[in-house]
Amino acid sequence: MSGDTDPELTPAPRGRITHMLSARPLLLLAFAFAVMADPVSSVAYAIEAALRALGGDLALLIPPMGAVVAIIAVVSVNYQQLIARYPQGGGGHRRGLRRAIMCG
């Protein structure tokens, strides 16, 4: 019975471990899609619910969609300006760390 070993209990060959580590970006991408599936499906259902509430009249949905797009544009422009103003970051974490070291 020495030949009957459980494959889950035997250590993985070194080549397999290296392959698994090189697959990390692929696993991260798969995780990102898995995490995004819920919000995307929720948004899809929200549009369907809005169209049902409006009796299927797409023309009534255009103004709120325009407002959402405008808000996204304002947030994007604001974010780009913030990055341009502080290209190295704000540094707040350094001040907090320095205070923690001085006080503790």
N, C-alpha and C. Protein backbone atom coordinates (compact mmCIF):
# COMPACT_ATOMS: atom_id res chain seq x y z
N MET A 1 0.81 -1.19 0.00
CA MET A 1 0.00 0.00 0.00
C MET A 1 0.86 1.26 0.00
N SER A 2 2.16 1.11 -0.15
CA SER A 2 3.02 2.29 -0.15
C SER A 2 2.81 3.12 -1.42
N GLY A 3 2.28 2.51 -2.50
CA GLY A 3 2.04 3.26 -3.73
C GLY A 3 0.74 4.05 -3.69
N ASP A 4 -0.11 3.82 -2.69
CA ASP A 4 -1.38 4.53 -2.58
C ASP A 4 -1.19 5.80 -1.75
N THR A 5 -0.80 6.88 -2.37
CA THR A 5 -0.64 8.15 -1.66
C THR A 5 -1.74 9.10 -2.11
N ASP A 6 -2.18 9.89 -1.20
CA ASP A 6 -3.21 10.87 -1.49
C ASP A 6 -2.56 12.04 -2.21
N PRO A 7 -2.99 12.39 -3.43
CA PRO A 7 -2.35 13.48 -4.17
C PRO A 7 -2.50 14.83 -3.47
N GLU A 8 -3.52 14.98 -2.64
CA GLU A 8 -3.68 16.24 -1.94
C GLU A 8 -2.68 16.39 -0.80
N LEU A 9 -2.15 15.29 -0.30
CA LEU A 9 -1.22 15.36 0.81
C LEU A 9 0.24 15.39 0.36
N THR A 10 0.51 15.06 -0.88
CA THR A 10 1.88 15.08 -1.36
C THR A 10 2.24 16.50 -1.78
N PRO A 11 3.48 16.91 -1.51
CA PRO A 11 3.88 18.27 -1.89
C PRO A 11 3.88 18.44 -3.41
N ALA A 12 3.54 19.64 -3.85
CA ALA A 12 3.49 19.94 -5.29
C ALA A 12 4.91 20.05 -5.83
N PRO A 13 5.11 19.59 -7.05
CA PRO A 13 6.43 19.75 -7.66
C PRO A 13 6.76 21.23 -7.82
N ARG A 14 8.04 21.54 -7.81
CA ARG A 14 8.48 22.94 -7.88
C ARG A 14 7.98 23.63 -9.15
N GLY A 15 7.94 22.92 -10.26
CA GLY A 15 7.47 23.51 -11.50
C GLY A 15 6.02 23.94 -11.42
N ARG A 16 5.21 23.16 -10.70
CA ARG A 16 3.80 23.50 -10.55
C ARG A 16 3.61 24.76 -9.71
N ILE A 17 4.42 24.89 -8.68
CA ILE A 17 4.34 26.09 -7.83
C ILE A 17 4.73 27.32 -8.63
N THR A 18 5.79 27.22 -9.39
CA THR A 18 6.23 28.34 -10.22
C THR A 18 5.14 28.71 -11.22
N HIS A 19 4.51 27.71 -11.80
CA HIS A 19 3.44 27.96 -12.76
C HIS A 19 2.26 28.66 -12.07
N MET A 20 1.93 28.23 -10.86
CA MET A 20 0.82 28.84 -10.14
C MET A 20 1.12 30.31 -9.81
N LEU A 21 2.37 30.60 -9.47
CA LEU A 21 2.74 31.98 -9.15
C LEU A 21 2.72 32.85 -10.40
N SER A 22 3.09 32.27 -11.55
CA SER A 22 3.06 33.06 -12.79
C SER A 22 1.63 33.27 -13.25
N ALA A 23 0.69 32.48 -12.76
CA ALA A 23 -0.71 32.64 -13.12
C ALA A 23 -1.42 33.66 -12.24
N ARG A 24 -0.70 34.29 -11.34
CA ARG A 24 -1.31 35.24 -10.41
C ARG A 24 -2.06 36.37 -11.13
N PRO A 25 -1.49 36.99 -12.19
CA PRO A 25 -2.27 38.04 -12.88
C PRO A 25 -3.58 37.51 -13.46
N LEU A 26 -3.56 36.29 -13.97
CA LEU A 26 -4.79 35.70 -14.50
C LEU A 26 -5.80 35.48 -13.38
N LEU A 27 -5.34 35.02 -12.22
CA LEU A 27 -6.23 34.83 -11.08
C LEU A 27 -6.80 36.16 -10.60
N LEU A 28 -5.97 37.21 -10.61
CA LEU A 28 -6.43 38.53 -10.20
C LEU A 28 -7.51 39.04 -11.15
N LEU A 29 -7.31 38.82 -12.44
CA LEU A 29 -8.29 39.22 -13.43
C LEU A 29 -9.60 38.46 -13.24
N ALA A 30 -9.51 37.17 -13.00
CA ALA A 30 -10.71 36.37 -12.76
C ALA A 30 -11.44 36.84 -11.50
N PHE A 31 -10.69 37.16 -10.45
CA PHE A 31 -11.29 37.66 -9.22
C PHE A 31 -11.99 38.99 -9.46
N ALA A 32 -11.35 39.87 -10.24
CA ALA A 32 -11.94 41.18 -10.52
C ALA A 32 -13.27 41.02 -11.25
N PHE A 33 -13.31 40.11 -12.24
CA PHE A 33 -14.57 39.89 -12.95
C PHE A 33 -15.62 39.29 -12.01
N ALA A 34 -15.22 38.42 -11.12
CA ALA A 34 -16.17 37.81 -10.19
C ALA A 34 -16.74 38.86 -9.24
N VAL A 35 -15.90 39.77 -8.79
CA VAL A 35 -16.33 40.82 -7.86
C VAL A 35 -17.23 41.82 -8.58
N MET A 36 -16.92 42.11 -9.85
CA MET A 36 -17.69 43.09 -10.60
C MET A 36 -19.03 42.56 -11.10
N ALA A 37 -19.22 41.26 -11.09
CA ALA A 37 -20.45 40.69 -11.64
C ALA A 37 -21.67 41.17 -10.87
N ASP A 38 -21.58 41.27 -9.57
CA ASP A 38 -22.74 41.67 -8.77
C ASP A 38 -23.15 43.12 -9.05
N PRO A 39 -22.22 44.10 -8.99
CA PRO A 39 -22.64 45.47 -9.28
C PRO A 39 -23.16 45.65 -10.71
N VAL A 40 -22.54 44.97 -11.66
CA VAL A 40 -22.97 45.10 -13.05
C VAL A 40 -24.39 44.56 -13.21
N SER A 41 -24.67 43.42 -12.61
CA SER A 41 -26.02 42.88 -12.72
C SER A 41 -27.02 43.76 -11.99
N SER A 42 -26.62 44.36 -10.89
CA SER A 42 -27.52 45.26 -10.17
C SER A 42 -27.86 46.48 -11.02
N VAL A 43 -26.87 47.02 -11.71
CA VAL A 43 -27.11 48.17 -12.57
C VAL A 43 -28.06 47.78 -13.71
N ALA A 44 -27.86 46.61 -14.27
CA ALA A 44 -28.73 46.16 -15.35
C ALA A 44 -30.18 46.04 -14.86
N TYR A 45 -30.37 45.50 -13.67
CA TYR A 45 -31.72 45.37 -13.15
C TYR A 45 -32.31 46.74 -12.82
N ALA A 46 -31.49 47.69 -12.39
CA ALA A 46 -31.98 49.03 -12.07
C ALA A 46 -32.52 49.71 -13.32
N ILE A 47 -31.82 49.56 -14.44
CA ILE A 47 -32.31 50.16 -15.69
C ILE A 47 -33.62 49.52 -16.11
N GLU A 48 -33.69 48.20 -16.00
CA GLU A 48 -34.93 47.50 -16.35
C GLU A 48 -36.08 47.97 -15.45
N ALA A 49 -35.81 48.10 -14.15
CA ALA A 49 -36.86 48.55 -13.22
C ALA A 49 -37.29 49.97 -13.54
N ALA A 50 -36.34 50.83 -13.89
CA ALA A 50 -36.69 52.21 -14.24
C ALA A 50 -37.55 52.25 -15.49
N LEU A 51 -37.19 51.45 -16.48
CA LEU A 51 -38.01 51.42 -17.70
C LEU A 51 -39.41 50.89 -17.44
N ARG A 52 -39.52 49.91 -16.57
CA ARG A 52 -40.86 49.39 -16.23
C ARG A 52 -41.68 50.46 -15.50
N ALA A 53 -41.02 51.19 -14.57
CA ALA A 53 -41.73 52.23 -13.83
C ALA A 53 -42.17 53.37 -14.75
N LEU A 54 -41.40 53.61 -15.80
CA LEU A 54 -41.74 54.68 -16.74
C LEU A 54 -42.61 54.18 -17.89
N GLY A 55 -43.11 52.98 -17.77
CA GLY A 55 -43.98 52.43 -18.80
C GLY A 55 -43.25 52.13 -20.10
N GLY A 56 -41.96 51.92 -20.03
CA GLY A 56 -41.19 51.59 -21.22
C GLY A 56 -40.83 52.79 -22.08
N ASP A 57 -41.13 54.01 -21.61
CA ASP A 57 -40.84 55.21 -22.39
C ASP A 57 -39.38 55.62 -22.18
N LEU A 58 -38.56 55.31 -23.17
CA LEU A 58 -37.13 55.58 -23.08
C LEU A 58 -36.83 57.08 -23.03
N ALA A 59 -37.71 57.89 -23.63
CA ALA A 59 -37.49 59.34 -23.64
C ALA A 59 -37.49 59.92 -22.23
N LEU A 60 -38.26 59.31 -21.33
CA LEU A 60 -38.28 59.80 -19.94
C LEU A 60 -37.03 59.41 -19.17
N LEU A 61 -36.30 58.43 -19.67
CA LEU A 61 -35.09 57.97 -18.99
C LEU A 61 -33.86 58.77 -19.41
N ILE A 62 -33.95 59.48 -20.52
CA ILE A 62 -32.79 60.21 -21.05
C ILE A 62 -32.32 61.33 -20.10
N PRO A 63 -33.18 62.18 -19.55
CA PRO A 63 -32.69 63.24 -18.65
C PRO A 63 -31.93 62.70 -17.41
N PRO A 64 -32.46 61.68 -16.71
CA PRO A 64 -31.66 61.16 -15.58
C PRO A 64 -30.33 60.55 -16.04
N MET A 65 -30.34 59.89 -17.20
CA MET A 65 -29.07 59.33 -17.71
C MET A 65 -28.08 60.45 -18.01
N GLY A 66 -28.57 61.56 -18.56
CA GLY A 66 -27.69 62.71 -18.83
C GLY A 66 -27.11 63.28 -17.53
N ALA A 67 -27.95 63.33 -16.49
CA ALA A 67 -27.46 63.83 -15.20
C ALA A 67 -26.38 62.92 -14.63
N VAL A 68 -26.56 61.61 -14.75
CA VAL A 68 -25.56 60.66 -14.25
C VAL A 68 -24.25 60.82 -15.02
N VAL A 69 -24.34 60.93 -16.34
CA VAL A 69 -23.14 61.11 -17.16
C VAL A 69 -22.44 62.42 -16.79
N ALA A 70 -23.20 63.49 -16.54
CA ALA A 70 -22.61 64.78 -16.15
C ALA A 70 -21.90 64.67 -14.80
N ILE A 71 -22.50 63.99 -13.86
CA ILE A 71 -21.86 63.81 -12.54
C ILE A 71 -20.57 63.01 -12.68
N ILE A 72 -20.60 61.96 -13.48
CA ILE A 72 -19.38 61.17 -13.70
C ILE A 72 -18.30 62.03 -14.34
N ALA A 73 -18.68 62.89 -15.29
CA ALA A 73 -17.71 63.78 -15.94
C ALA A 73 -17.09 64.74 -14.93
N VAL A 74 -17.92 65.33 -14.06
CA VAL A 74 -17.40 66.26 -13.05
C VAL A 74 -16.44 65.55 -12.09
N VAL A 75 -16.80 64.36 -11.65
CA VAL A 75 -15.93 63.60 -10.75
C VAL A 75 -14.62 63.25 -11.45
N SER A 76 -14.69 62.87 -12.72
CA SER A 76 -13.48 62.52 -13.46
C SER A 76 -12.55 63.71 -13.63
N VAL A 77 -13.12 64.86 -14.01
CA VAL A 77 -12.30 66.07 -14.16
C VAL A 77 -11.69 66.46 -12.82
N ASN A 78 -12.46 66.39 -11.75
CA ASN A 78 -11.95 66.73 -10.42
C ASN A 78 -10.80 65.80 -10.04
N TYR A 79 -10.96 64.51 -10.32
CA TYR A 79 -9.92 63.54 -9.99
C TYR A 79 -8.65 63.81 -10.78
N GLN A 80 -8.79 64.12 -12.07
CA GLN A 80 -7.62 64.43 -12.90
C GLN A 80 -6.90 65.68 -12.39
N GLN A 81 -7.65 66.69 -11.97
CA GLN A 81 -7.05 67.90 -11.42
C GLN A 81 -6.32 67.60 -10.11
N LEU A 82 -6.89 66.75 -9.31
CA LEU A 82 -6.26 66.37 -8.04
C LEU A 82 -4.94 65.65 -8.29
N ILE A 83 -4.93 64.75 -9.24
CA ILE A 83 -3.70 64.04 -9.58
C ILE A 83 -2.65 65.00 -10.14
N ALA A 84 -3.08 65.94 -10.98
CA ALA A 84 -2.14 66.92 -11.55
C ALA A 84 -1.56 67.82 -10.46
N ARG A 85 -2.37 68.14 -9.47
CA ARG A 85 -1.89 69.03 -8.41
C ARG A 85 -0.93 68.32 -7.44
N TYR A 86 -1.19 67.06 -7.17
CA TYR A 86 -0.36 66.28 -6.25
C TYR A 86 0.15 65.02 -6.94
N PRO A 87 1.10 65.15 -7.86
CA PRO A 87 1.55 63.97 -8.61
C PRO A 87 2.26 62.92 -7.74
N GLN A 88 2.83 63.31 -6.62
CA GLN A 88 3.51 62.37 -5.74
C GLN A 88 2.61 61.90 -4.61
N GLY A 89 1.37 62.30 -4.62
CA GLY A 89 0.46 61.94 -3.54
C GLY A 89 0.40 63.07 -2.52
N GLY A 90 -0.55 63.00 -1.63
CA GLY A 90 -0.73 64.08 -0.65
C GLY A 90 0.23 64.01 0.51
N GLY A 91 0.72 62.85 0.85
CA GLY A 91 1.67 62.72 1.95
C GLY A 91 1.03 62.67 3.31
N GLY A 92 -0.29 62.63 3.39
CA GLY A 92 -0.96 62.57 4.68
C GLY A 92 -0.58 61.34 5.48
N HIS A 93 -0.31 60.27 4.80
CA HIS A 93 0.06 59.05 5.50
C HIS A 93 1.42 59.20 6.18
N ARG A 94 2.30 60.01 5.61
CA ARG A 94 3.61 60.22 6.23
C ARG A 94 3.48 61.06 7.49
N ARG A 95 2.64 62.09 7.45
CA ARG A 95 2.45 62.92 8.65
C ARG A 95 1.83 62.10 9.77
N GLY A 96 0.86 61.26 9.42
CA GLY A 96 0.22 60.41 10.42
C GLY A 96 1.20 59.42 11.02
N LEU A 97 2.07 58.85 10.18
CA LEU A 97 3.08 57.92 10.66
C LEU A 97 4.07 58.63 11.59
N ARG A 98 4.47 59.83 11.20
CA ARG A 98 5.42 60.58 12.03
C ARG A 98 4.80 60.90 13.39
N ARG A 99 3.52 61.29 13.42
CA ARG A 99 2.85 61.56 14.69
C ARG A 99 2.76 60.31 15.54
N ALA A 100 2.45 59.17 14.91
CA ALA A 100 2.35 57.92 15.64
C ALA A 100 3.69 57.53 16.27
N ILE A 101 4.77 57.76 15.54
CA ILE A 101 6.09 57.42 16.05
C ILE A 101 6.47 58.36 17.20
N MET A 102 6.17 59.65 17.05
CA MET A 102 6.52 60.63 18.08
C MET A 102 5.70 60.44 19.35
N CYS A 103 4.43 60.07 19.20
CA CYS A 103 3.55 59.93 20.36
C CYS A 103 3.66 58.55 21.00
N GLY A 104 4.06 57.58 20.23
CA GLY A 104 4.01 56.21 20.76
C GLY A 104 5.35 55.76 21.11
